[in-house]
PDB file of N, CA and C in Angstrom:
ATOM      1  N   MET A   1      89.332 128.392  78.515  1.00  0.00           N
ATOM      2  CA  MET A   1      89.101 126.979  78.691  1.00  0.00           C
ATOM      3  C   MET A   1      89.027 126.669  80.208  1.00  0.00           C
ATOM      4  N   SER A   2      87.897 126.100  80.547  1.00  0.00           N
ATOM      5  CA  SER A   2      87.640 125.728  81.978  1.00  0.00           C
ATOM      6  C   SER A   2      88.487 124.489  82.312  1.00  0.00           C
ATOM      7  N   PHE A   3      88.799 124.401  83.613  1.00  0.00           N
ATOM      8  CA  PHE A   3      89.500 123.186  84.109  1.00  0.00           C
ATOM      9  C   PHE A   3      88.666 121.943  84.004  1.00  0.00           C
ATOM     10  N   ASN A   4      87.425 122.041  83.941  1.00  0.00           N
ATOM     11  CA  ASN A   4      86.515 120.900  83.878  1.00  0.00           C
ATOM     12  C   ASN A   4      85.940 120.729  82.368  1.00  0.00           C
ATOM     13  N   SER A   5      86.503 121.451  81.373  1.00  0.00           N
ATOM     14  CA  SER A   5      85.956 121.364  80.076  1.00  0.00           C
ATOM     15  C   SER A   5      86.269 120.013  79.464  1.00  0.00           C
ATOM     16  N   PRO A   6      85.402 119.533  78.596  1.00  0.00           N
ATOM     17  CA  PRO A   6      85.697 118.193  77.909  1.00  0.00           C
ATOM     18  C   PRO A   6      86.974 118.326  77.116  1.00  0.00           C
ATOM     19  N   GLU A   7      87.213 119.479  76.484  1.00  0.00           N
ATOM     20  CA  GLU A   7      88.465 119.568  75.681  1.00  0.00           C
ATOM     21  C   GLU A   7      89.770 119.428  76.514  1.00  0.00           C
ATOM     22  N   LEU A   8      89.709 120.015  77.736  1.00  0.00           N
ATOM     23  CA  LEU A   8      90.827 119.890  78.555  1.00  0.00           C
ATOM     24  C   LEU A   8      91.018 118.523  79.119  1.00  0.00           C
ATOM     25  N   GLN A   9      89.910 117.844  79.413  1.00  0.00           N
ATOM     26  CA  GLN A   9      89.933 116.487  79.938  1.00  0.00           C
ATOM     27  C   GLN A   9      90.449 115.505  78.850  1.00  0.00           C
ATOM     28  N   ASN A  10      90.039 115.770  77.601  1.00  0.00           N
ATOM     29  CA  ASN A  10      90.513 114.964  76.458  1.00  0.00           C
ATOM     30  C   ASN A  10      92.039 115.136  76.219  1.00  0.00           C
ATOM     31  N   LEU A  11      92.438 116.392  76.352  1.00  0.00           N
ATOM     32  CA  LEU A  11      93.870 116.674  76.203  1.00  0.00           C
ATOM     33  C   LEU A  11      94.719 115.981  77.298  1.00  0.00           C
ATOM     34  N   LEU A  12      94.231 116.092  78.528  1.00  0.00           N
ATOM     35  CA  LEU A  12      94.830 115.454  79.635  1.00  0.00           C
ATOM     36  C   LEU A  12      94.935 113.919  79.415  1.00  0.00           C
ATOM     37  N   GLU A  13      93.859 113.358  79.021  1.00  0.00           N
ATOM     38  CA  GLU A  13      93.884 111.945  78.703  1.00  0.00           C
ATOM     39  C   GLU A  13      94.820 111.492  77.652  1.00  0.00           C
ATOM     40  N   GLN A  14      94.921 112.273  76.624  1.00  0.00           N
ATOM     41  CA  GLN A  14      95.914 112.025  75.531  1.00  0.00           C
ATOM     42  C   GLN A  14      97.292 112.125  76.021  1.00  0.00           C
ATOM     43  N   GLU A  15      97.614 113.118  76.856  1.00  0.00           N
ATOM     44  CA  GLU A  15      98.986 113.324  77.427  1.00  0.00           C
ATOM     45  C   GLU A  15      99.293 112.131  78.333  1.00  0.00           C
ATOM     46  N   LYS A  16      98.313 111.708  79.060  1.00  0.00           N
ATOM     47  CA  LYS A  16      98.505 110.605  80.010  1.00  0.00           C
ATOM     48  C   LYS A  16      98.889 109.329  79.193  1.00  0.00           C
ATOM     49  N   GLN A  17      98.105 109.069  78.123  1.00  0.00           N
ATOM     50  CA  GLN A  17      98.361 107.913  77.249  1.00  0.00           C
ATOM     51  C   GLN A  17      99.779 108.051  76.582  1.00  0.00           C
ATOM     52  N   ARG A  18     100.110 109.245  76.145  1.00  0.00           N
ATOM     53  CA  ARG A  18     101.438 109.458  75.526  1.00  0.00           C
ATOM     54  C   ARG A  18     102.589 109.136  76.508  1.00  0.00           C
ATOM     55  N   ALA A  19     102.359 109.587  77.792  1.00  0.00           N
ATOM     56  CA  ALA A  19     103.352 109.280  78.829  1.00  0.00           C
ATOM     57  C   ALA A  19     103.458 107.790  79.125  1.00  0.00           C
ATOM     58  N   MET A  20     102.364 107.112  79.084  1.00  0.00           N
ATOM     59  CA  MET A  20     102.393 105.680  79.336  1.00  0.00           C
ATOM     60  C   MET A  20     103.121 104.972  78.226  1.00  0.00           C
ATOM     61  N   VAL A  21     102.919 105.387  76.990  1.00  0.00           N
ATOM     62  CA  VAL A  21     103.618 104.790  75.827  1.00  0.00           C
ATOM     63  C   VAL A  21     105.067 105.055  75.933  1.00  0.00           C
ATOM     64  N   ASN A  22     105.491 106.253  76.258  1.00  0.00           N
ATOM     65  CA  ASN A  22     106.876 106.581  76.416  1.00  0.00           C
ATOM     66  C   ASN A  22     107.548 105.792  77.506  1.00  0.00           C
ATOM     67  N   GLU A  23     106.863 105.571  78.578  1.00  0.00           N
ATOM     68  CA  GLU A  23     107.405 104.792  79.715  1.00  0.00           C
ATOM     69  C   GLU A  23     107.543 103.342  79.274  1.00  0.00           C
ATOM     70  N   MET A  24     106.587 102.784  78.501  1.00  0.00           N
ATOM     71  CA  MET A  24     106.695 101.412  78.102  1.00  0.00           C
ATOM     72  C   MET A  24     107.855 101.242  77.117  1.00  0.00           C
ATOM     73  N   VAL A  25     108.017 102.188  76.221  1.00  0.00           N
ATOM     74  CA  VAL A  25     109.096 102.106  75.243  1.00  0.00           C
ATOM     75  C   VAL A  25     110.489 102.180  75.967  1.00  0.00           C
ATOM     76  N   SER A  26     110.535 103.104  76.949  1.00  0.00           N
ATOM     77  CA  SER A  26     111.734 103.149  77.726  1.00  0.00           C
ATOM     78  C   SER A  26     112.078 101.869  78.519  1.00  0.00           C
ATOM     79  N   LYS A  27     111.137 101.257  79.122  1.00  0.00           N
ATOM     80  CA  LYS A  27     111.370 100.049  79.849  1.00  0.00           C
ATOM     81  C   LYS A  27     111.706  98.845  78.919  1.00  0.00           C
ATOM     82  N   MET A  28     110.979  98.860  77.767  1.00  0.00           N
ATOM     83  CA  MET A  28     111.294  97.859  76.777  1.00  0.00           C
ATOM     84  C   MET A  28     112.693  97.976  76.197  1.00  0.00           C
ATOM     85  N   THR A  29     113.074  99.183  75.897  1.00  0.00           N
ATOM     86  CA  THR A  29     114.412  99.388  75.431  1.00  0.00           C
ATOM     87  C   THR A  29     115.450  98.927  76.430  1.00  0.00           C
ATOM     88  N   SER A  30     115.335  99.269  77.636  1.00  0.00           N
ATOM     89  CA  SER A  30     116.245  98.910  78.710  1.00  0.00           C
ATOM     90  C   SER A  30     116.291  97.458  78.835  1.00  0.00           C
ATOM     91  N   ALA A  31     115.192  96.775  78.974  1.00  0.00           N
ATOM     92  CA  ALA A  31     115.145  95.327  79.184  1.00  0.00           C
ATOM     93  C   ALA A  31     115.705  94.588  78.050  1.00  0.00           C
ATOM     94  N   CYS A  32     115.320  95.037  76.824  1.00  0.00           N
ATOM     95  CA  CYS A  32     115.804  94.261  75.678  1.00  0.00           C
ATOM     96  C   CYS A  32     117.317  94.485  75.373  1.00  0.00           C
ATOM     97  N   TRP A  33     117.687  95.690  75.651  1.00  0.00           N
ATOM     98  CA  TRP A  33     119.132  96.054  75.472  1.00  0.00           C
ATOM     99  C   TRP A  33     119.992  95.185  76.417  1.00  0.00           C
ATOM    100  N   ASP A  34     119.532  95.095  77.682  1.00  0.00           N
ATOM    101  CA  ASP A  34     120.300  94.353  78.668  1.00  0.00           C
ATOM    102  C   ASP A  34     120.311  92.830  78.315  1.00  0.00           C
ATOM    103  N   LYS A  35     119.269  92.344  77.782  1.00  0.00           N
ATOM    104  CA  LYS A  35     119.077  90.927  77.407  1.00  0.00           C
ATOM    105  C   LYS A  35     119.911  90.632  76.141  1.00  0.00           C
ATOM    106  N   CYS A  36     119.834  91.498  75.097  1.00  0.00           N
ATOM    107  CA  CYS A  36     120.317  91.071  73.804  1.00  0.00           C
ATOM    108  C   CYS A  36     121.750  91.664  73.409  1.00  0.00           C
ATOM    109  N   VAL A  37     122.162  92.750  74.039  1.00  0.00           N
ATOM    110  CA  VAL A  37     123.449  93.325  73.653  1.00  0.00           C
ATOM    111  C   VAL A  37     124.421  93.057  74.838  1.00  0.00           C
ATOM    112  N   THR A  38     125.264  92.020  74.612  1.00  0.00           N
ATOM    113  CA  THR A  38     126.094  91.629  75.685  1.00  0.00           C
ATOM    114  C   THR A  38     127.483  92.216  75.700  1.00  0.00           C
ATOM    115  N   GLY A  39     127.925  92.720  74.542  1.00  0.00           N
ATOM    116  CA  GLY A  39     129.263  93.366  74.481  1.00  0.00           C
ATOM    117  C   GLY A  39     129.140  94.814  74.166  1.00  0.00           C
ATOM    118  N   ALA A  40     130.280  95.396  73.832  1.00  0.00           N
ATOM    119  CA  ALA A  40     130.257  96.751  73.435  1.00  0.00           C
ATOM    120  C   ALA A  40     129.697  96.867  72.047  1.00  0.00           C
ATOM    121  N   PRO A  41     128.639  97.739  71.835  1.00  0.00           N
ATOM    122  CA  PRO A  41     128.036  97.822  70.514  1.00  0.00           C
ATOM    123  C   PRO A  41     129.023  98.375  69.488  1.00  0.00           C
ATOM    124  N   GLY A  42     128.866  97.804  68.308  1.00  0.00           N
ATOM    125  CA  GLY A  42     129.734  98.249  67.221  1.00  0.00           C
ATOM    126  C   GLY A  42     128.914  99.317  66.380  1.00  0.00           C
ATOM    127  N   SER A  43     129.290  99.440  65.121  1.00  0.00           N
ATOM    128  CA  SER A  43     128.598 100.395  64.264  1.00  0.00           C
ATOM    129  C   SER A  43     127.178  99.914  63.877  1.00  0.00           C
ATOM    130  N   LYS A  44     126.996  98.587  63.998  1.00  0.00           N
ATOM    131  CA  LYS A  44     125.695  98.061  63.718  1.00  0.00           C
ATOM    132  C   LYS A  44     125.569  96.761  64.529  1.00  0.00           C
ATOM    133  N   PHE A  45     124.288  96.337  64.760  1.00  0.00           N
ATOM    134  CA  PHE A  45     124.046  95.141  65.524  1.00  0.00           C
ATOM    135  C   PHE A  45     124.419  93.886  64.718  1.00  0.00           C
ATOM    136  N   SER A  46     124.861  92.816  65.389  1.00  0.00           N
ATOM    137  CA  SER A  46     125.050  91.601  64.731  1.00  0.00           C
ATOM    138  C   SER A  46     123.730  90.972  64.393  1.00  0.00           C
ATOM    139  N   ASN A  47     123.694  89.974  63.493  1.00  0.00           N
ATOM    140  CA  ASN A  47     122.385  89.347  63.128  1.00  0.00           C
ATOM    141  C   ASN A  47     121.695  88.750  64.355  1.00  0.00           C
ATOM    142  N   SER A  48     122.501  88.194  65.297  1.00  0.00           N
ATOM    143  CA  SER A  48     121.806  87.570  66.446  1.00  0.00           C
ATOM    144  C   SER A  48     121.348  88.664  67.393  1.00  0.00           C
ATOM    145  N   GLU A  49     121.990  89.726  67.524  1.00  0.00           N
ATOM    146  CA  GLU A  49     121.526  90.826  68.342  1.00  0.00           C
ATOM    147  C   GLU A  49     120.238  91.464  67.774  1.00  0.00           C
ATOM    148  N   ALA A  50     120.218  91.650  66.484  1.00  0.00           N
ATOM    149  CA  ALA A  50     119.071  92.291  65.770  1.00  0.00           C
ATOM    150  C   ALA A  50     117.913  91.335  65.969  1.00  0.00           C
ATOM    151  N   ALA A  51     118.055  90.002  65.753  1.00  0.00           N
ATOM    152  CA  ALA A  51     117.005  89.126  65.935  1.00  0.00           C
ATOM    153  C   ALA A  51     116.510  89.027  67.352  1.00  0.00           C
ATOM    154  N   CYS A  52     117.437  89.092  68.312  1.00  0.00           N
ATOM    155  CA  CYS A  52     117.058  89.106  69.727  1.00  0.00           C
ATOM    156  C   CYS A  52     116.268  90.327  70.117  1.00  0.00           C
ATOM    157  N   LEU A  53     116.696  91.472  69.652  1.00  0.00           N
ATOM    158  CA  LEU A  53     115.996  92.800  69.958  1.00  0.00           C
ATOM    159  C   LEU A  53     114.611  92.756  69.336  1.00  0.00           C
ATOM    160  N   GLN A  54     114.498  92.215  68.095  1.00  0.00           N
ATOM    161  CA  GLN A  54     113.228  92.250  67.456  1.00  0.00           C
ATOM    162  C   GLN A  54     112.206  91.329  68.191  1.00  0.00           C
ATOM    163  N   ASN A  55     112.741  90.105  68.577  1.00  0.00           N
ATOM    164  CA  ASN A  55     111.950  89.227  69.311  1.00  0.00           C
ATOM    165  C   ASN A  55     111.540  89.711  70.671  1.00  0.00           C
ATOM    166  N   CYS A  56     112.471  90.277  71.346  1.00  0.00           N
ATOM    167  CA  CYS A  56     112.248  90.786  72.695  1.00  0.00           C
ATOM    168  C   CYS A  56     111.231  91.925  72.653  1.00  0.00           C
ATOM    169  N   ALA A  57     111.360  92.810  71.780  1.00  0.00           N
ATOM    170  CA  ALA A  57     110.392  93.954  71.599  1.00  0.00           C
ATOM    171  C   ALA A  57     108.996  93.418  71.287  1.00  0.00           C
ATOM    172  N   GLN A  58     108.907  92.495  70.382  1.00  0.00           N
ATOM    173  CA  GLN A  58     107.606  91.927  70.027  1.00  0.00           C
ATOM    174  C   GLN A  58     106.912  91.202  71.222  1.00  0.00           C
ATOM    175  N   ARG A  59     107.731  90.420  71.966  1.00  0.00           N
ATOM    176  CA  ARG A  59     107.215  89.772  73.152  1.00  0.00           C
ATOM    177  C   ARG A  59     106.768  90.806  74.181  1.00  0.00           C
ATOM    178  N   TYR A  60     107.561  91.833  74.429  1.00  0.00           N
ATOM    179  CA  TYR A  60     107.229  92.896  75.377  1.00  0.00           C
ATOM    180  C   TYR A  60     105.907  93.565  75.085  1.00  0.00           C
ATOM    181  N   VAL A  61     105.645  93.895  73.805  1.00  0.00           N
ATOM    182  CA  VAL A  61     104.460  94.505  73.328  1.00  0.00           C
ATOM    183  C   VAL A  61     103.259  93.539  73.534  1.00  0.00           C
ATOM    184  N   GLU A  62     103.473  92.311  73.104  1.00  0.00           N
ATOM    185  CA  GLU A  62     102.393  91.318  73.316  1.00  0.00           C
ATOM    186  C   GLU A  62     101.972  91.193  74.711  1.00  0.00           C
ATOM    187  N   MET A  63     103.042  91.056  75.600  1.00  0.00           N
ATOM    188  CA  MET A  63     102.663  90.943  77.057  1.00  0.00           C
ATOM    189  C   MET A  63     101.993  92.181  77.593  1.00  0.00           C
ATOM    190  N   SER A  64     102.405  93.363  77.180  1.00  0.00           N
ATOM    191  CA  SER A  64     101.788  94.574  77.648  1.00  0.00           C
ATOM    192  C   SER A  64     100.361  94.649  77.146  1.00  0.00           C
ATOM    193  N   MET A  65     100.064  94.192  76.000  1.00  0.00           N
ATOM    194  CA  MET A  65      98.680  94.232  75.400  1.00  0.00           C
ATOM    195  C   MET A  65      97.871  93.173  76.205  1.00  0.00           C
ATOM    196  N   LEU A  66      98.407  92.089  76.548  1.00  0.00           N
ATOM    197  CA  LEU A  66      97.657  90.992  77.260  1.00  0.00           C
ATOM    198  C   LEU A  66      97.359  91.462  78.709  1.00  0.00           C
ATOM    199  N   ILE A  67      98.273  92.165  79.268  1.00  0.00           N
ATOM    200  CA  ILE A  67      98.066  92.679  80.616  1.00  0.00           C
ATOM    201  C   ILE A  67      97.039  93.806  80.659  1.00  0.00           C
ATOM    202  N   MET A  68      97.047  94.722  79.611  1.00  0.00           N
ATOM    203  CA  MET A  68      96.011  95.750  79.513  1.00  0.00           C
ATOM    204  C   MET A  68      94.691  95.143  79.299  1.00  0.00           C
ATOM    205  N   LYS A  69      94.550  94.147  78.445  1.00  0.00           N
ATOM    206  CA  LYS A  69      93.254  93.536  78.193  1.00  0.00           C
ATOM    207  C   LYS A  69      92.746  92.857  79.423  1.00  0.00           C
ATOM    208  N   ARG A  70      93.671  92.254  80.137  1.00  0.00           N
ATOM    209  CA  ARG A  70      93.221  91.609  81.512  1.00  0.00           C
ATOM    210  C   ARG A  70      92.686  92.583  82.424  1.00  0.00           C
ATOM    211  N   PHE A  71      93.392  93.725  82.628  1.00  0.00           N
ATOM    212  CA  PHE A  71      92.895  94.751  83.496  1.00  0.00           C
ATOM    213  C   PHE A  71      91.583  95.360  83.096  1.00  0.00           C
ATOM    214  N   GLN A  72      91.427  95.556  81.749  1.00  0.00           N
ATOM    215  CA  GLN A  72      90.167  96.118  81.275  1.00  0.00           C
ATOM    216  C   GLN A  72      88.992  95.071  81.468  1.00  0.00           C
ATOM    217  N   SER A  73      89.280  93.815  81.458  1.00  0.00           N
ATOM    218  CA  SER A  73      88.210  92.882  81.631  1.00  0.00           C
ATOM    219  C   SER A  73      87.802  92.776  83.161  1.00  0.00           C
ATOM    220  N   MET A  74      88.719  93.186  84.016  1.00  0.00           N
ATOM    221  CA  MET A  74      88.461  93.137  85.436  1.00  0.00           C
ATOM    222  C   MET A  74      87.601  94.276  85.871  1.00  0.00           C
ATOM    223  N   GLN A  75      87.563  95.352  85.117  1.00  0.00           N
ATOM    224  CA  GLN A  75      86.819  96.583  85.485  1.00  0.00           C
ATOM    225  C   GLN A  75      85.373  96.479  85.134  1.00  0.00           C
TER     226      GLN A  75
END
């Protein structure tokens, strides 16, 4: 496999996208955890913590998609 082969370029692009998704999930987890879980976690989340985490994650994904679309439209 050549360094300039389409297969290698495709593989590199897939890995780059996978790394971006992993980074987004990590940042979202950290931000939402800090916002929604204020005390020591128990064996399960309270209803308010679960609702907050779900809402936070949904808003984070929506904003990320909006930002991506904005960057794509600028190119």
